[in-house]
Protein backbone atom coordinates (compact mmCIF):
# COMPACT_ATOMS: atom_id res chain seq x y z
CA MET A 1 2.99 -24.36 -17.03
CA THR A 2 0.14 -22.65 -18.84
CA ASP A 3 0.57 -20.87 -22.15
CA GLN A 4 -0.59 -17.56 -20.69
CA PHE A 5 2.66 -17.26 -18.76
CA LEU A 6 5.01 -18.13 -21.59
CA LEU A 7 6.95 -15.31 -23.16
CA ASN A 8 7.24 -16.54 -26.74
CA THR A 9 6.97 -13.38 -28.82
CA THR A 10 9.92 -11.56 -30.28
CA MET A 11 10.54 -7.98 -29.26
CA ASN A 12 9.20 -6.58 -32.56
CA GLU A 13 5.89 -8.45 -32.79
CA THR A 14 3.75 -6.00 -30.82
CA GLU A 15 3.58 -2.26 -30.69
CA PRO A 16 4.06 -0.72 -27.22
CA ASP A 17 0.42 0.45 -27.17
CA GLU A 18 -0.75 -3.13 -27.72
CA CYS A 19 1.32 -4.66 -24.93
CA ALA A 20 -0.52 -5.58 -21.72
CA ALA A 21 2.61 -5.15 -19.59
CA SER A 22 3.24 -1.75 -21.17
CA LEU A 23 -0.28 -0.66 -20.21
CA ALA A 24 0.28 -1.65 -16.58
CA MET A 25 3.66 0.11 -16.52
CA LYS A 26 2.12 3.28 -17.97
CA ILE A 27 -0.42 3.32 -15.15
CA LEU A 28 2.01 2.43 -12.35
CA GLY A 29 5.08 4.19 -13.71
CA ARG A 30 4.39 7.66 -12.38
CA LYS A 31 5.93 8.59 -9.04
CA TRP A 32 2.83 8.95 -6.88
CA THR A 33 0.63 6.26 -8.40
CA LEU A 34 1.87 3.41 -6.21
CA TYR A 35 1.46 5.50 -3.06
CA VAL A 36 -2.11 6.49 -3.96
CA ILE A 37 -3.19 2.97 -4.91
CA CYS A 38 -1.54 1.48 -1.83
CA GLU A 39 -3.33 3.88 0.53
CA LEU A 40 -6.68 3.26 -1.14
CA LEU A 41 -6.10 -0.51 -0.94
CA MET A 42 -5.57 -0.23 2.80
CA CYS A 43 -8.28 2.33 3.62
CA GLN A 44 -10.90 1.64 0.94
CA GLU A 45 -12.01 5.29 0.80
CA LEU A 46 -10.17 8.48 1.66
CA TYR A 47 -10.87 12.15 1.27
CA PHE A 48 -8.31 14.24 -0.57
CA SER A 49 -6.69 15.73 2.56
CA GLN A 50 -6.65 12.31 4.26
CA LEU A 51 -4.84 10.84 1.29
CA GLN A 52 -2.20 13.59 1.49
CA GLU A 53 -1.77 12.97 5.23
CA HIS A 54 -1.53 9.19 4.81
CA ILE A 55 1.17 9.48 2.16
CA LEU A 56 3.19 11.84 4.35
CA GLY A 57 2.68 9.70 7.47
CA HIS A 58 3.45 6.32 5.92
CA TYR A 59 6.19 7.17 3.44
CA SER A 60 7.63 10.48 4.72
CA GLU A 61 6.87 11.92 1.29
CA LYS A 62 4.99 15.20 0.84
CA ILE A 63 2.74 15.35 -2.21
CA SER A 64 1.46 18.75 -3.29
CA ALA A 65 -2.28 19.29 -3.76
CA ARG A 66 -1.75 19.96 -7.47
CA VAL A 67 0.23 16.77 -8.05
CA LEU A 68 -2.22 14.65 -6.03
CA SER A 69 -5.14 16.16 -7.94
CA GLU A 70 -3.47 15.37 -11.27
CA SER A 71 -2.65 11.82 -10.13
CA LEU A 72 -6.23 11.18 -9.00
CA SER A 73 -7.68 12.64 -12.21
CA ARG A 74 -5.40 10.48 -14.34
CA LEU A 75 -6.24 7.35 -12.33
CA GLU A 76 -9.95 8.16 -12.61
CA GLU A 77 -9.63 8.54 -16.40
CA GLN A 78 -7.84 5.18 -16.53
CA GLY A 79 -10.65 3.51 -14.60
CA VAL A 80 -8.50 2.75 -11.55
CA VAL A 81 -10.04 5.22 -9.05
CA ASN A 82 -13.64 6.22 -8.28
CA ARG A 83 -14.41 9.83 -7.37
CA LEU A 84 -17.23 9.81 -4.80
CA VAL A 85 -19.12 13.06 -4.15
CA HIS A 86 -20.78 13.12 -0.72
CA SER A 87 -23.41 15.85 -0.91
CA GLU A 88 -25.57 14.74 2.04
CA LYS A 89 -23.76 17.15 4.36
CA MET A 90 -22.33 20.59 3.86
CA PRO A 91 -19.68 21.25 2.88
CA ILE A 92 -19.75 18.77 0.02
CA ARG A 93 -16.86 16.32 0.36
CA VAL A 94 -15.17 14.22 -2.28
CA GLY A 95 -13.79 10.80 -1.47
CA TYR A 96 -11.71 8.42 -3.52
CA SER A 97 -11.77 4.64 -3.70
CA LEU A 98 -10.44 1.97 -6.02
CA THR A 99 -12.50 0.43 -8.78
CA ASP A 100 -12.38 -3.33 -9.35
CA LYS A 101 -9.61 -2.59 -11.85
CA GLY A 102 -7.70 -0.69 -9.15
CA GLU A 103 -8.23 -3.38 -6.53
CA ASP A 104 -6.61 -5.90 -8.86
CA PHE A 105 -3.31 -4.10 -8.26
CA ALA A 106 -3.25 -5.84 -4.83
CA VAL A 107 -1.51 -8.76 -6.53
CA ILE A 108 1.27 -6.43 -7.68
CA PHE A 109 1.69 -5.14 -4.13
CA SER A 110 1.93 -8.74 -2.93
CA ALA A 111 4.78 -9.29 -5.37
CA LEU A 112 6.46 -6.02 -4.33
CA LYS A 113 6.18 -7.11 -0.72
CA GLY A 114 7.75 -10.48 -1.57
CA TRP A 115 10.59 -8.74 -3.37
CA GLY A 116 11.14 -6.43 -0.37
CA VAL A 117 11.28 -9.38 2.01
CA LYS A 118 13.78 -11.23 -0.20
CA TRP A 119 16.04 -8.34 -1.21
CA GLY A 120 15.35 -5.50 1.21
CA GLY A 121 16.40 -7.24 4.39
CA ILE A 122 13.02 -6.49 5.92
CA GLY A 123 11.36 -9.51 7.47
CA VAL A 124 7.63 -10.05 7.17
CA LYS A 125 7.04 -9.49 10.89
CA LYS A 126 9.40 -6.53 11.32
CA CYS A 127 6.80 -3.87 10.53
CA LYS A 128 4.40 -3.36 13.41
CA SER A 129 2.28 -0.61 11.89
CA PHE A 130 -1.35 -1.66 11.36
CA ALA A 131 -1.52 0.65 8.35
CA CYS A 132 1.45 -1.00 6.64
CA ILE A 133 0.97 -2.78 3.33
CA HIS A 134 2.21 -5.91 5.17
CA ASN A 135 -1.26 -6.12 6.71
CA ALA A 136 -3.17 -5.32 3.52
CA VAL A 137 -1.93 -8.02 1.16
CA PRO A 138 -0.46 -11.52 1.46
CA ILE A 139 3.11 -12.15 0.39
CA ILE A 140 4.03 -13.72 -2.94
CA ASP A 141 7.19 -15.80 -2.84
CA ILE A 142 9.39 -14.26 -5.53
CA ASP A 143 11.30 -17.47 -6.24
CA GLU A 144 8.06 -19.41 -6.78
CA ALA A 145 6.63 -16.63 -8.96
CA LYS A 146 9.73 -16.64 -11.19
CA ASN A 147 8.99 -20.26 -12.04
CA LEU A 148 5.82 -19.12 -13.84
CA PHE A 149 7.87 -17.44 -16.55
CA GLN A 150 9.95 -18.92 -19.32
CA ILE A 151 13.01 -16.73 -19.74
CA ARG A 152 14.15 -16.24 -23.32
CA GLU A 153 16.85 -14.32 -25.09
CA CYS A 154 15.92 -11.10 -26.85
CA GLU A 155 16.58 -10.97 -30.56
C-alpha cells in the first residue's frame, strides 16, 4: 500500500480549506453539479438548452435556466467546465465541455457506479440506454477500492 492512500493525520491537523477531499466535496456537493459533469462526460460538448434537456431526459429532474447558468458559471470559475463561444454562425451559440480537471471526475463516477451496482440492486447490464453513465465509465469494484484505505479512529 502506498503512503498516498494512508489516512494518518488527526482531525485537527489541517484546516478545511487546505484539505484535498474538502475541495472535491465543495465542487461536487451542490445538487446539480454531478448531473452537469455526468452529461458533459458522456456528450463531450453540449449547448445550454441541450444540457437542460439531457438532465430532464436522463434523470427526470427539471433544472431551471437560472440554476443551470449559476452551476455552469461556478464550474467554469473552478476550472471544471469550458465555455465555448461559437460565433461562426448566427445566432452565436455557447457550448460547454469539461476541462482536463473536469474529465478527471470520471474516476469518481466509476466509483459511484460501483457503489450503485453493489448497494443499489442494479446490475451492470440492466441499463440499456446508450446515454447511461454505465457506457461512459468503467466500473470500480467498491470492495477492492476500500482496500486502498487504512481506516483509523477519529480522535
